[in-house]
PDB file of N, CA and C in Angstrom:
ATOM      1  N   MET A   1      19.628 -31.042  14.371  1.00  0.00           N
ATOM      2  CA  MET A   1      19.837 -29.941  15.284  1.00  0.00           C
ATOM      3  C   MET A   1      19.231 -28.701  14.638  1.00  0.00           C
ATOM      4  N   LYS A   2      18.432 -28.019  15.385  1.00  0.00           N
ATOM      5  CA  LYS A   2      17.740 -26.847  14.866  1.00  0.00           C
ATOM      6  C   LYS A   2      18.540 -25.568  15.098  1.00  0.00           C
ATOM      7  N   GLU A   3      19.150 -25.477  16.273  1.00  0.00           N
ATOM      8  CA  GLU A   3      19.867 -24.240  16.616  1.00  0.00           C
ATOM      9  C   GLU A   3      20.881 -24.524  17.716  1.00  0.00           C
ATOM     10  N   ILE A   4      22.035 -23.860  17.651  1.00  0.00           N
ATOM     11  CA  ILE A   4      23.017 -23.922  18.726  1.00  0.00           C
ATOM     12  C   ILE A   4      23.716 -22.559  18.815  1.00  0.00           C
ATOM     13  N   VAL A   5      23.834 -22.063  20.035  1.00  0.00           N
ATOM     14  CA  VAL A   5      24.472 -20.771  20.293  1.00  0.00           C
ATOM     15  C   VAL A   5      25.444 -20.971  21.450  1.00  0.00           C
ATOM     16  N   LEU A   6      26.674 -20.509  21.287  1.00  0.00           N
ATOM     17  CA  LEU A   6      27.693 -20.642  22.322  1.00  0.00           C
ATOM     18  C   LEU A   6      28.375 -19.301  22.510  1.00  0.00           C
ATOM     19  N   ASN A   7      28.474 -18.876  23.767  1.00  0.00           N
ATOM     20  CA  ASN A   7      29.282 -17.694  24.089  1.00  0.00           C
ATOM     21  C   ASN A   7      30.057 -17.996  25.366  1.00  0.00           C
ATOM     22  N   ARG A   8      30.689 -17.012  25.959  1.00  0.00           N
ATOM     23  CA  ARG A   8      31.551 -17.245  27.131  1.00  0.00           C
ATOM     24  C   ARG A   8      30.799 -17.717  28.366  1.00  0.00           C
ATOM     25  N   ARG A   9      29.527 -17.449  28.443  1.00  0.00           N
ATOM     26  CA  ARG A   9      28.764 -17.778  29.649  1.00  0.00           C
ATOM     27  C   ARG A   9      27.750 -18.893  29.478  1.00  0.00           C
ATOM     28  N   ARG A  10      27.377 -19.199  28.228  1.00  0.00           N
ATOM     29  CA  ARG A  10      26.204 -20.057  28.043  1.00  0.00           C
ATOM     30  C   ARG A  10      26.245 -20.791  26.699  1.00  0.00           C
ATOM     31  N   LEU A  11      25.681 -21.981  26.708  1.00  0.00           N
ATOM     32  CA  LEU A  11      25.428 -22.739  25.501  1.00  0.00           C
ATOM     33  C   LEU A  11      23.931 -22.995  25.443  1.00  0.00           C
ATOM     34  N   GLU A  12      23.305 -22.666  24.335  1.00  0.00           N
ATOM     35  CA  GLU A  12      21.880 -22.939  24.146  1.00  0.00           C
ATOM     36  C   GLU A  12      21.723 -23.797  22.911  1.00  0.00           C
ATOM     37  N   MET A  13      20.821 -24.790  23.005  1.00  0.00           N
ATOM     38  CA  MET A  13      20.647 -25.697  21.891  1.00  0.00           C
ATOM     39  C   MET A  13      19.185 -26.105  21.777  1.00  0.00           C
ATOM     40  N   ARG A  14      18.744 -26.266  20.537  1.00  0.00           N
ATOM     41  CA  ARG A  14      17.407 -26.783  20.266  1.00  0.00           C
ATOM     42  C   ARG A  14      17.538 -27.931  19.284  1.00  0.00           C
ATOM     43  N   LEU A  15      16.945 -29.057  19.632  1.00  0.00           N
ATOM     44  CA  LEU A  15      17.070 -30.270  18.837  1.00  0.00           C
ATOM     45  C   LEU A  15      15.685 -30.881  18.660  1.00  0.00           C
ATOM     46  N   ASP A  16      15.277 -31.089  17.416  1.00  0.00           N
ATOM     47  CA  ASP A  16      13.993 -31.732  17.139  1.00  0.00           C
ATOM     48  C   ASP A  16      14.167 -33.246  17.145  1.00  0.00           C
ATOM     49  N   ASN A  17      13.106 -33.968  17.507  1.00  0.00           N
ATOM     50  CA  ASN A  17      13.112 -35.436  17.534  1.00  0.00           C
ATOM     51  C   ASN A  17      14.295 -35.980  18.329  1.00  0.00           C
ATOM     52  N   ALA A  18      14.425 -35.529  19.555  1.00  0.00           N
ATOM     53  CA  ALA A  18      15.581 -35.860  20.390  1.00  0.00           C
ATOM     54  C   ALA A  18      15.476 -37.282  20.951  1.00  0.00           C
ATOM     55  N   ALA A  19      16.177 -38.202  20.334  1.00  0.00           N
ATOM     56  CA  ALA A  19      16.286 -39.554  20.874  1.00  0.00           C
ATOM     57  C   ALA A  19      17.382 -39.544  21.935  1.00  0.00           C
ATOM     58  N   LEU A  20      17.198 -40.319  22.997  1.00  0.00           N
ATOM     59  CA  LEU A  20      18.171 -40.401  24.085  1.00  0.00           C
ATOM     60  C   LEU A  20      18.511 -39.017  24.631  1.00  0.00           C
ATOM     61  N   HIS A  21      17.490 -38.250  24.964  1.00  0.00           N
ATOM     62  CA  HIS A  21      17.682 -36.852  25.360  1.00  0.00           C
ATOM     63  C   HIS A  21      18.581 -36.683  26.583  1.00  0.00           C
ATOM     64  N   LEU A  22      18.523 -37.595  27.554  1.00  0.00           N
ATOM     65  CA  LEU A  22      19.380 -37.457  28.732  1.00  0.00           C
ATOM     66  C   LEU A  22      20.862 -37.625  28.366  1.00  0.00           C
ATOM     67  N   LEU A  23      21.143 -38.502  27.428  1.00  0.00           N
ATOM     68  CA  LEU A  23      22.515 -38.684  26.965  1.00  0.00           C
ATOM     69  C   LEU A  23      23.006 -37.419  26.246  1.00  0.00           C
ATOM     70  N   VAL A  24      22.158 -36.834  25.419  1.00  0.00           N
ATOM     71  CA  VAL A  24      22.515 -35.603  24.711  1.00  0.00           C
ATOM     72  C   VAL A  24      22.782 -34.473  25.702  1.00  0.00           C
ATOM     73  N   ILE A  25      21.930 -34.350  26.713  1.00  0.00           N
ATOM     74  CA  ILE A  25      22.092 -33.301  27.732  1.00  0.00           C
ATOM     75  C   ILE A  25      23.425 -33.468  28.453  1.00  0.00           C
ATOM     76  N   GLY A  26      23.734 -34.675  28.878  1.00  0.00           N
ATOM     77  CA  GLY A  26      24.992 -34.937  29.586  1.00  0.00           C
ATOM     78  C   GLY A  26      26.211 -34.687  28.720  1.00  0.00           C
ATOM     79  N   MET A  27      26.137 -35.090  27.448  1.00  0.00           N
ATOM     80  CA  MET A  27      27.268 -34.856  26.545  1.00  0.00           C
ATOM     81  C   MET A  27      27.489 -33.370  26.308  1.00  0.00           C
ATOM     82  N   MET A  28      26.425 -32.610  26.107  1.00  0.00           N
ATOM     83  CA  MET A  28      26.578 -31.174  25.867  1.00  0.00           C
ATOM     84  C   MET A  28      27.133 -30.468  27.102  1.00  0.00           C
ATOM     85  N   GLN A  29      26.704 -30.894  28.292  1.00  0.00           N
ATOM     86  CA  GLN A  29      27.250 -30.305  29.513  1.00  0.00           C
ATOM     87  C   GLN A  29      28.733 -30.646  29.649  1.00  0.00           C
ATOM     88  N   GLY A  30      29.100 -31.876  29.363  1.00  0.00           N
ATOM     89  CA  GLY A  30      30.505 -32.281  29.438  1.00  0.00           C
ATOM     90  C   GLY A  30      31.384 -31.528  28.457  1.00  0.00           C
ATOM     91  N   ILE A  31      30.890 -31.339  27.237  1.00  0.00           N
ATOM     92  CA  ILE A  31      31.642 -30.576  26.235  1.00  0.00           C
ATOM     93  C   ILE A  31      31.815 -29.132  26.696  1.00  0.00           C
ATOM     94  N   PHE A  32      30.748 -28.531  27.219  1.00  0.00           N
ATOM     95  CA  PHE A  32      30.817 -27.156  27.708  1.00  0.00           C
ATOM     96  C   PHE A  32      31.823 -27.045  28.852  1.00  0.00           C
ATOM     97  N   ASP A  33      31.756 -27.964  29.820  1.00  0.00           N
ATOM     98  CA  ASP A  33      32.686 -27.939  30.956  1.00  0.00           C
ATOM     99  C   ASP A  33      34.137 -28.069  30.499  1.00  0.00           C
ATOM    100  N   SER A  34      34.394 -28.982  29.560  1.00  0.00           N
ATOM    101  CA  SER A  34      35.756 -29.175  29.066  1.00  0.00           C
ATOM    102  C   SER A  34      36.253 -27.951  28.316  1.00  0.00           C
ATOM    103  N   TYR A  35      35.414 -27.391  27.487  1.00  0.00           N
ATOM    104  CA  TYR A  35      35.802 -26.237  26.681  1.00  0.00           C
ATOM    105  C   TYR A  35      36.032 -24.998  27.540  1.00  0.00           C
ATOM    106  N   MET A  36      35.151 -24.779  28.520  1.00  0.00           N
ATOM    107  CA  MET A  36      35.239 -23.579  29.354  1.00  0.00           C
ATOM    108  C   MET A  36      36.143 -23.761  30.574  1.00  0.00           C
ATOM    109  N   GLY A  37      36.449 -25.010  30.928  1.00  0.00           N
ATOM    110  CA  GLY A  37      37.289 -25.267  32.090  1.00  0.00           C
ATOM    111  C   GLY A  37      36.619 -24.906  33.397  1.00  0.00           C
ATOM    112  N   THR A  38      35.318 -25.130  33.487  1.00  0.00           N
ATOM    113  CA  THR A  38      34.554 -24.762  34.670  1.00  0.00           C
ATOM    114  C   THR A  38      33.398 -25.724  34.890  1.00  0.00           C
ATOM    115  N   ASP A  39      32.780 -25.653  36.042  1.00  0.00           N
ATOM    116  CA  ASP A  39      31.567 -26.421  36.301  1.00  0.00           C
ATOM    117  C   ASP A  39      30.374 -25.660  35.754  1.00  0.00           C
ATOM    118  N   SER A  40      29.298 -26.395  35.474  1.00  0.00           N
ATOM    119  CA  SER A  40      28.137 -25.752  34.875  1.00  0.00           C
ATOM    120  C   SER A  40      26.841 -26.277  35.488  1.00  0.00           C
ATOM    121  N   ALA A  41      25.770 -25.600  35.144  1.00  0.00           N
ATOM    122  CA  ALA A  41      24.418 -26.009  35.512  1.00  0.00           C
ATOM    123  C   ALA A  41      23.621 -26.138  34.220  1.00  0.00           C
ATOM    124  N   VAL A  42      22.642 -27.044  34.204  1.00  0.00           N
ATOM    125  CA  VAL A  42      21.857 -27.295  33.001  1.00  0.00           C
ATOM    126  C   VAL A  42      20.378 -27.091  33.289  1.00  0.00           C
ATOM    127  N   GLU A  43      19.712 -26.430  32.363  1.00  0.00           N
ATOM    128  CA  GLU A  43      18.252 -26.340  32.370  1.00  0.00           C
ATOM    129  C   GLU A  43      17.793 -26.922  31.043  1.00  0.00           C
ATOM    130  N   TRP A  44      16.735 -27.758  31.074  1.00  0.00           N
ATOM    131  CA  TRP A  44      16.272 -28.360  29.836  1.00  0.00           C
ATOM    132  C   TRP A  44      14.788 -28.623  29.896  1.00  0.00           C
ATOM    133  N   GLU A  45      14.210 -28.746  28.696  1.00  0.00           N
ATOM    134  CA  GLU A  45      12.781 -29.044  28.570  1.00  0.00           C
ATOM    135  C   GLU A  45      12.578 -29.914  27.337  1.00  0.00           C
ATOM    136  N   LEU A  46      11.785 -30.974  27.510  1.00  0.00           N
ATOM    137  CA  LEU A  46      11.445 -31.872  26.408  1.00  0.00           C
ATOM    138  C   LEU A  46       9.956 -31.740  26.156  1.00  0.00           C
ATOM    139  N   SER A  47       9.580 -31.323  24.958  1.00  0.00           N
ATOM    140  CA  SER A  47       8.168 -31.116  24.630  1.00  0.00           C
ATOM    141  C   SER A  47       7.505 -32.439  24.260  1.00  0.00           C
ATOM    142  N   ALA A  48       6.209 -32.405  24.099  1.00  0.00           N
ATOM    143  CA  ALA A  48       5.438 -33.605  23.755  1.00  0.00           C
ATOM    144  C   ALA A  48       5.856 -34.185  22.406  1.00  0.00           C
ATOM    145  N   ASP A  49       6.295 -33.340  21.476  1.00  0.00           N
ATOM    146  CA  ASP A  49       6.751 -33.829  20.169  1.00  0.00           C
ATOM    147  C   ASP A  49       8.245 -34.148  20.165  1.00  0.00           C
ATOM    148  N   GLU A  50       8.833 -34.277  21.344  1.00  0.00           N
ATOM    149  CA  GLU A  50      10.234 -34.663  21.568  1.00  0.00           C
ATOM    150  C   GLU A  50      11.237 -33.646  21.041  1.00  0.00           C
ATOM    151  N   SER A  51      10.880 -32.366  21.062  1.00  0.00           N
ATOM    152  CA  SER A  51      11.846 -31.307  20.790  1.00  0.00           C
ATOM    153  C   SER A  51      12.540 -30.963  22.106  1.00  0.00           C
ATOM    154  N   LEU A  52      13.838 -30.929  22.079  1.00  0.00           N
ATOM    155  CA  LEU A  52      14.639 -30.663  23.274  1.00  0.00           C
ATOM    156  C   LEU A  52      15.209 -29.264  23.200  1.00  0.00           C
ATOM    157  N   GLU A  53      15.001 -28.503  24.256  1.00  0.00           N
ATOM    158  CA  GLU A  53      15.654 -27.206  24.408  1.00  0.00           C
ATOM    159  C   GLU A  53      16.496 -27.282  25.666  1.00  0.00           C
ATOM    160  N   LEU A  54      17.763 -26.918  25.548  1.00  0.00           N
ATOM    161  CA  LEU A  54      18.625 -26.956  26.722  1.00  0.00           C
ATOM    162  C   LEU A  54      19.517 -25.737  26.775  1.00  0.00           C
ATOM    163  N   ALA A  55      19.886 -25.389  27.994  1.00  0.00           N
ATOM    164  CA  ALA A  55      20.805 -24.275  28.232  1.00  0.00           C
ATOM    165  C   ALA A  55      21.806 -24.722  29.284  1.00  0.00           C
ATOM    166  N   VAL A  56      23.068 -24.619  28.956  1.00  0.00           N
ATOM    167  CA  VAL A  56      24.157 -24.930  29.878  1.00  0.00           C
ATOM    168  C   VAL A  56      24.836 -23.613  30.204  1.00  0.00           C
ATOM    169  N   SER A  57      24.976 -23.302  31.481  1.00  0.00           N
ATOM    170  CA  SER A  57      25.606 -22.040  31.854  1.00  0.00           C
ATOM    171  C   SER A  57      26.642 -22.278  32.946  1.00  0.00           C
ATOM    172  N   ARG A  58      27.612 -21.358  32.988  1.00  0.00           N
ATOM    173  CA  ARG A  58      28.661 -21.455  34.012  1.00  0.00           C
ATOM    174  C   ARG A  58      28.037 -21.368  35.395  1.00  0.00           C
ATOM    175  N   ARG A  59      28.524 -22.198  36.270  1.00  0.00           N
ATOM    176  CA  ARG A  59      28.070 -22.162  37.657  1.00  0.00           C
ATOM    177  C   ARG A  59      28.891 -21.117  38.391  1.00  0.00           C
ATOM    178  N   ILE A  60      28.222 -20.231  39.071  1.00  0.00           N
ATOM    179  CA  ILE A  60      28.888 -19.173  39.829  1.00  0.00           C
ATOM    180  C   ILE A  60      29.205 -19.715  41.218  1.00  0.00           C
ATOM    181  N   ALA A  61      30.439 -19.580  41.616  1.00  0.00           N
ATOM    182  CA  ALA A  61      30.874 -20.081  42.926  1.00  0.00           C
ATOM    183  C   ALA A  61      30.188 -19.290  44.035  1.00  0.00           C
ATOM    184  N   ALA A  62      29.700 -20.012  45.013  1.00  0.00           N
ATOM    185  CA  ALA A  62      29.070 -19.362  46.158  1.00  0.00           C
ATOM    186  C   ALA A  62      30.143 -18.859  47.119  1.00  0.00           C
ATOM    187  N   ILE A  63      29.895 -17.740  47.726  1.00  0.00           N
ATOM    188  CA  ILE A  63      30.815 -17.161  48.701  1.00  0.00           C
ATOM    189  C   ILE A  63      30.189 -17.293  50.076  1.00  0.00           C
ATOM    190  N   ASP A  64      30.914 -17.893  50.999  1.00  0.00           N
ATOM    191  CA  ASP A  64      30.438 -18.038  52.368  1.00  0.00           C
ATOM    192  C   ASP A  64      30.788 -16.763  53.116  1.00  0.00           C
ATOM    193  N   LEU A  65      29.800 -15.939  53.385  1.00  0.00           N
ATOM    194  CA  LEU A  65      30.035 -14.652  54.027  1.00  0.00           C
ATOM    195  C   LEU A  65      30.447 -14.774  55.493  1.00  0.00           C
ATOM    196  N   ARG A  66      30.221 -15.930  56.074  1.00  0.00           N
ATOM    197  CA  ARG A  66      30.620 -16.136  57.487  1.00  0.00           C
ATOM    198  C   ARG A  66      32.129 -16.204  57.625  1.00  0.00           C
ATOM    199  N   THR A  67      32.819 -16.665  56.565  1.00  0.00           N
ATOM    200  CA  THR A  67      34.267 -16.808  56.645  1.00  0.00           C
ATOM    201  C   THR A  67      35.007 -15.748  55.839  1.00  0.00           C
ATOM    202  N   ALA A  68      34.272 -14.946  55.106  1.00  0.00           N
ATOM    203  CA  ALA A  68      34.913 -13.944  54.250  1.00  0.00           C
ATOM    204  C   ALA A  68      35.290 -12.704  55.039  1.00  0.00           C
TER     205      ALA A  68
END
């Protein structure tokens, strides 16, 4: 693991030589959801040399203005 940053809104991680990258992405999202007690969205990128960069952030609830 090259870098990991966690705050109240976001988790960012960089991992070199990422084997099973989809499993890592899912596990990090699950850990974030459990820790924060909320749903999240994930953005990720896998480079040609298999370095994984991912960001997990809190999902903001949509407000339906027709019923509000």
